[in-house]
Structure formats: C-alpha cells, structure tokens
C-alpha cells in the first residue's frame, strides 16, 4: 500500500451488530492494530482487488477460441485505413 496521507478529514461510518463489532475488534487485536486501522487496511485491500478485477475479462474456452480466431483474421480494410490516417489530435 502506498504511503497514506495523514491529513484525514473525512469519516466513514457503518452500523453493525454487536457480534459483528466484536469479531472485527478481535481480528484487529490479533494483528496488534486498532479497530479503525484494521478496518481501513482491509477495506483498502478489498477496494484495490475489486477495482483490479473490474478490468479483467474472463472467457470460457469457446469464447477464447473465438477471440483468438478473430485476432488471426486479417484486419478489415476500413480499420487499416483508419490506422494509417494522421491523428486529429496531433
């Protein structure tokens, strides 16, 4: 995890049952962390994972075969023409 900004100026609150709170407190204690430190660390880890996984496309065997077959096909003439054009942003 990158260095954290120590200027914390926002709060994140959630409602929990006492059992849920006790479990989180116990987990934090096992790591030698405050409950807030433990929760933030685990939430950020989960957030990073979910953001990464949102950019992954999973294909079954048939979809993979179709995808790789499409890559092996020659590019359509219109696409070749487009790629050979001078970009409008230069």
C-alpha atoms as a PDB file:
ATOM      1  CA  UNK A   1       0.000   0.000   0.000  1.00  0.00           C
ATOM      2  CA  UNK A   2       1.292   3.466  -0.872  1.00  0.00           C
ATOM      3  CA  UNK A   3       2.150   5.978   1.833  1.00  0.00           C
ATOM      4  CA  UNK A   4      -1.040   7.234   3.404  1.00  0.00           C
ATOM      5  CA  UNK A   5      -1.933  10.885   3.685  1.00  0.00           C
ATOM      6  CA  UNK A   6      -2.048  11.672   7.414  1.00  0.00           C
ATOM      7  CA  UNK A   7      -4.408  14.619   6.889  1.00  0.00           C
ATOM      8  CA  UNK A   8      -7.592  12.628   7.468  1.00  0.00           C
ATOM      9  CA  UNK A   9     -10.551  14.928   7.119  1.00  0.00           C
ATOM     10  CA  UNK A  10     -13.457  12.622   6.366  1.00  0.00           C
ATOM     11  CA  UNK A  11     -15.302   9.904   8.284  1.00  0.00           C
ATOM     12  CA  UNK A  12     -16.746   6.576   7.222  1.00  0.00           C
ATOM     13  CA  UNK A  13     -19.378   5.128   9.493  1.00  0.00           C
ATOM     14  CA  UNK A  14     -21.402   1.928   9.378  1.00  0.00           C
ATOM     15  CA  UNK A  15     -23.921   0.237  11.570  1.00  0.00           C
ATOM     16  CA  UNK A  16     -23.013  -3.211  12.922  1.00  0.00           C
ATOM     17  CA  UNK A  17     -24.488  -5.777  15.223  1.00  0.00           C
ATOM     18  CA  UNK A  18     -22.599  -6.231  18.474  1.00  0.00           C
ATOM     19  CA  UNK A  19     -21.457  -9.661  17.253  1.00  0.00           C
ATOM     20  CA  UNK A  20     -20.019  -8.148  14.073  1.00  0.00           C
ATOM     21  CA  UNK A  21     -18.240  -5.435  16.054  1.00  0.00           C
ATOM     22  CA  UNK A  22     -16.816  -7.995  18.474  1.00  0.00           C
ATOM     23  CA  UNK A  23     -15.458 -10.091  15.587  1.00  0.00           C
ATOM     24  CA  UNK A  24     -13.817  -7.068  13.984  1.00  0.00           C
ATOM     25  CA  UNK A  25     -12.348  -5.944  17.306  1.00  0.00           C
ATOM     26  CA  UNK A  26     -10.962  -9.447  17.879  1.00  0.00           C
ATOM     27  CA  UNK A  27      -9.412  -9.574  14.390  1.00  0.00           C
ATOM     28  CA  UNK A  28      -7.793  -6.172  14.915  1.00  0.00           C
ATOM     29  CA  UNK A  29      -6.411  -7.267  18.265  1.00  0.00           C
ATOM     30  CA  UNK A  30      -4.820 -10.369  16.721  1.00  0.00           C
ATOM     31  CA  UNK A  31      -2.913  -8.079  14.343  1.00  0.00           C
ATOM     32  CA  UNK A  32      -1.934  -5.588  17.027  1.00  0.00           C
ATOM     33  CA  UNK A  33      -3.945  -2.868  15.327  1.00  0.00           C
ATOM     34  CA  UNK A  34      -6.729  -0.570  16.366  1.00  0.00           C
ATOM     35  CA  UNK A  35     -10.123  -1.481  15.004  1.00  0.00           C
ATOM     36  CA  UNK A  36     -10.010   1.549  12.699  1.00  0.00           C
ATOM     37  CA  UNK A  37      -6.530   0.647  11.404  1.00  0.00           C
ATOM     38  CA  UNK A  38      -7.569  -2.952  10.773  1.00  0.00           C
ATOM     39  CA  UNK A  39     -10.835  -1.983   9.068  1.00  0.00           C
ATOM     40  CA  UNK A  40      -9.180   0.630   6.847  1.00  0.00           C
ATOM     41  CA  UNK A  41      -6.375  -1.715   5.847  1.00  0.00           C
ATOM     42  CA  UNK A  42      -8.804  -4.493   4.919  1.00  0.00           C
ATOM     43  CA  UNK A  43     -11.250  -2.175   3.165  1.00  0.00           C
ATOM     44  CA  UNK A  44      -8.478  -0.661   1.040  1.00  0.00           C
ATOM     45  CA  UNK A  45      -7.137  -4.116   0.148  1.00  0.00           C
ATOM     46  CA  UNK A  46     -10.621  -5.225  -0.895  1.00  0.00           C
ATOM     47  CA  UNK A  47     -11.203  -1.995  -2.824  1.00  0.00           C
ATOM     48  CA  UNK A  48      -7.925  -2.377  -4.738  1.00  0.00           C
ATOM     49  CA  UNK A  49      -8.765  -6.014  -5.550  1.00  0.00           C
ATOM     50  CA  UNK A  50     -12.269  -5.170  -6.757  1.00  0.00           C
ATOM     51  CA  UNK A  51     -11.003  -2.279  -8.894  1.00  0.00           C
ATOM     52  CA  UNK A  52      -8.347  -4.532 -10.486  1.00  0.00           C
ATOM     53  CA  UNK A  53     -10.842  -7.342 -11.104  1.00  0.00           C
ATOM     54  CA  UNK A  54     -13.300  -4.927 -12.736  1.00  0.00           C
ATOM     55  CA  UNK A  55     -10.753  -4.591 -15.560  1.00  0.00           C
ATOM     56  CA  UNK A  56     -10.284  -8.315 -16.157  1.00  0.00           C
ATOM     57  CA  UNK A  57     -12.291 -10.122 -18.801  1.00  0.00           C
ATOM     58  CA  UNK A  58     -12.726 -13.820 -18.212  1.00  0.00           C
ATOM     59  CA  UNK A  59     -13.528 -16.005 -21.205  1.00  0.00           C
ATOM     60  CA  UNK A  60     -14.672 -19.601 -21.309  1.00  0.00           C
ATOM     61  CA  UNK A  61     -12.900 -21.972 -23.692  1.00  0.00           C
ATOM     62  CA  UNK A  62     -15.238 -21.291 -26.623  1.00  0.00           C
ATOM     63  CA  UNK A  63     -15.107 -17.520 -26.187  1.00  0.00           C
ATOM     64  CA  UNK A  64     -11.287 -17.681 -26.003  1.00  0.00           C
ATOM     65  CA  UNK A  65     -11.157 -19.760 -29.181  1.00  0.00           C
ATOM     66  CA  UNK A  66     -13.440 -17.253 -30.951  1.00  0.00           C
ATOM     67  CA  UNK A  67     -11.334 -14.334 -29.697  1.00  0.00           C
ATOM     68  CA  UNK A  68      -8.016 -15.792 -30.818  1.00  0.00           C
ATOM     69  CA  UNK A  69      -9.524 -16.795 -34.177  1.00  0.00           C
ATOM     70  CA  UNK A  70     -10.670 -13.209 -34.687  1.00  0.00           C
ATOM     71  CA  UNK A  71      -7.153 -11.983 -33.911  1.00  0.00           C
ATOM     72  CA  UNK A  72      -5.754 -14.284 -36.570  1.00  0.00           C
ATOM     73  CA  UNK A  73      -8.057 -12.831 -39.249  1.00  0.00           C
ATOM     74  CA  UNK A  74      -6.728 -10.000 -41.411  1.00  0.00           C
ATOM     75  CA  UNK A  75      -7.847  -6.524 -40.369  1.00  0.00           C
ATOM     76  CA  UNK A  76     -10.743  -5.106 -42.367  1.00  0.00           C
ATOM     77  CA  UNK A  77      -9.680  -2.553 -44.993  1.00  0.00           C
ATOM     78  CA  UNK A  78     -11.541   0.259 -43.178  1.00  0.00           C
ATOM     79  CA  UNK A  79      -9.576  -0.415 -39.998  1.00  0.00           C
ATOM     80  CA  UNK A  80      -6.258  -0.457 -41.860  1.00  0.00           C
ATOM     81  CA  UNK A  81      -7.231   2.868 -43.461  1.00  0.00           C
ATOM     82  CA  UNK A  82      -8.138   4.344 -40.091  1.00  0.00           C
ATOM     83  CA  UNK A  83      -4.859   3.241 -38.518  1.00  0.00           C
ATOM     84  CA  UNK A  84      -2.907   4.807 -41.395  1.00  0.00           C
ATOM     85  CA  UNK A  85      -4.578   8.215 -41.025  1.00  0.00           C
ATOM     86  CA  UNK A  86      -2.873  11.148 -39.350  1.00  0.00           C
ATOM     87  CA  UNK A  87      -4.409  11.520 -35.866  1.00  0.00           C
ATOM     88  CA  UNK A  88      -6.585  14.595 -35.464  1.00  0.00           C
ATOM     89  CA  UNK A  89      -5.053  15.394 -32.066  1.00  0.00           C
ATOM     90  CA  UNK A  90      -1.516  15.988 -33.338  1.00  0.00           C
END
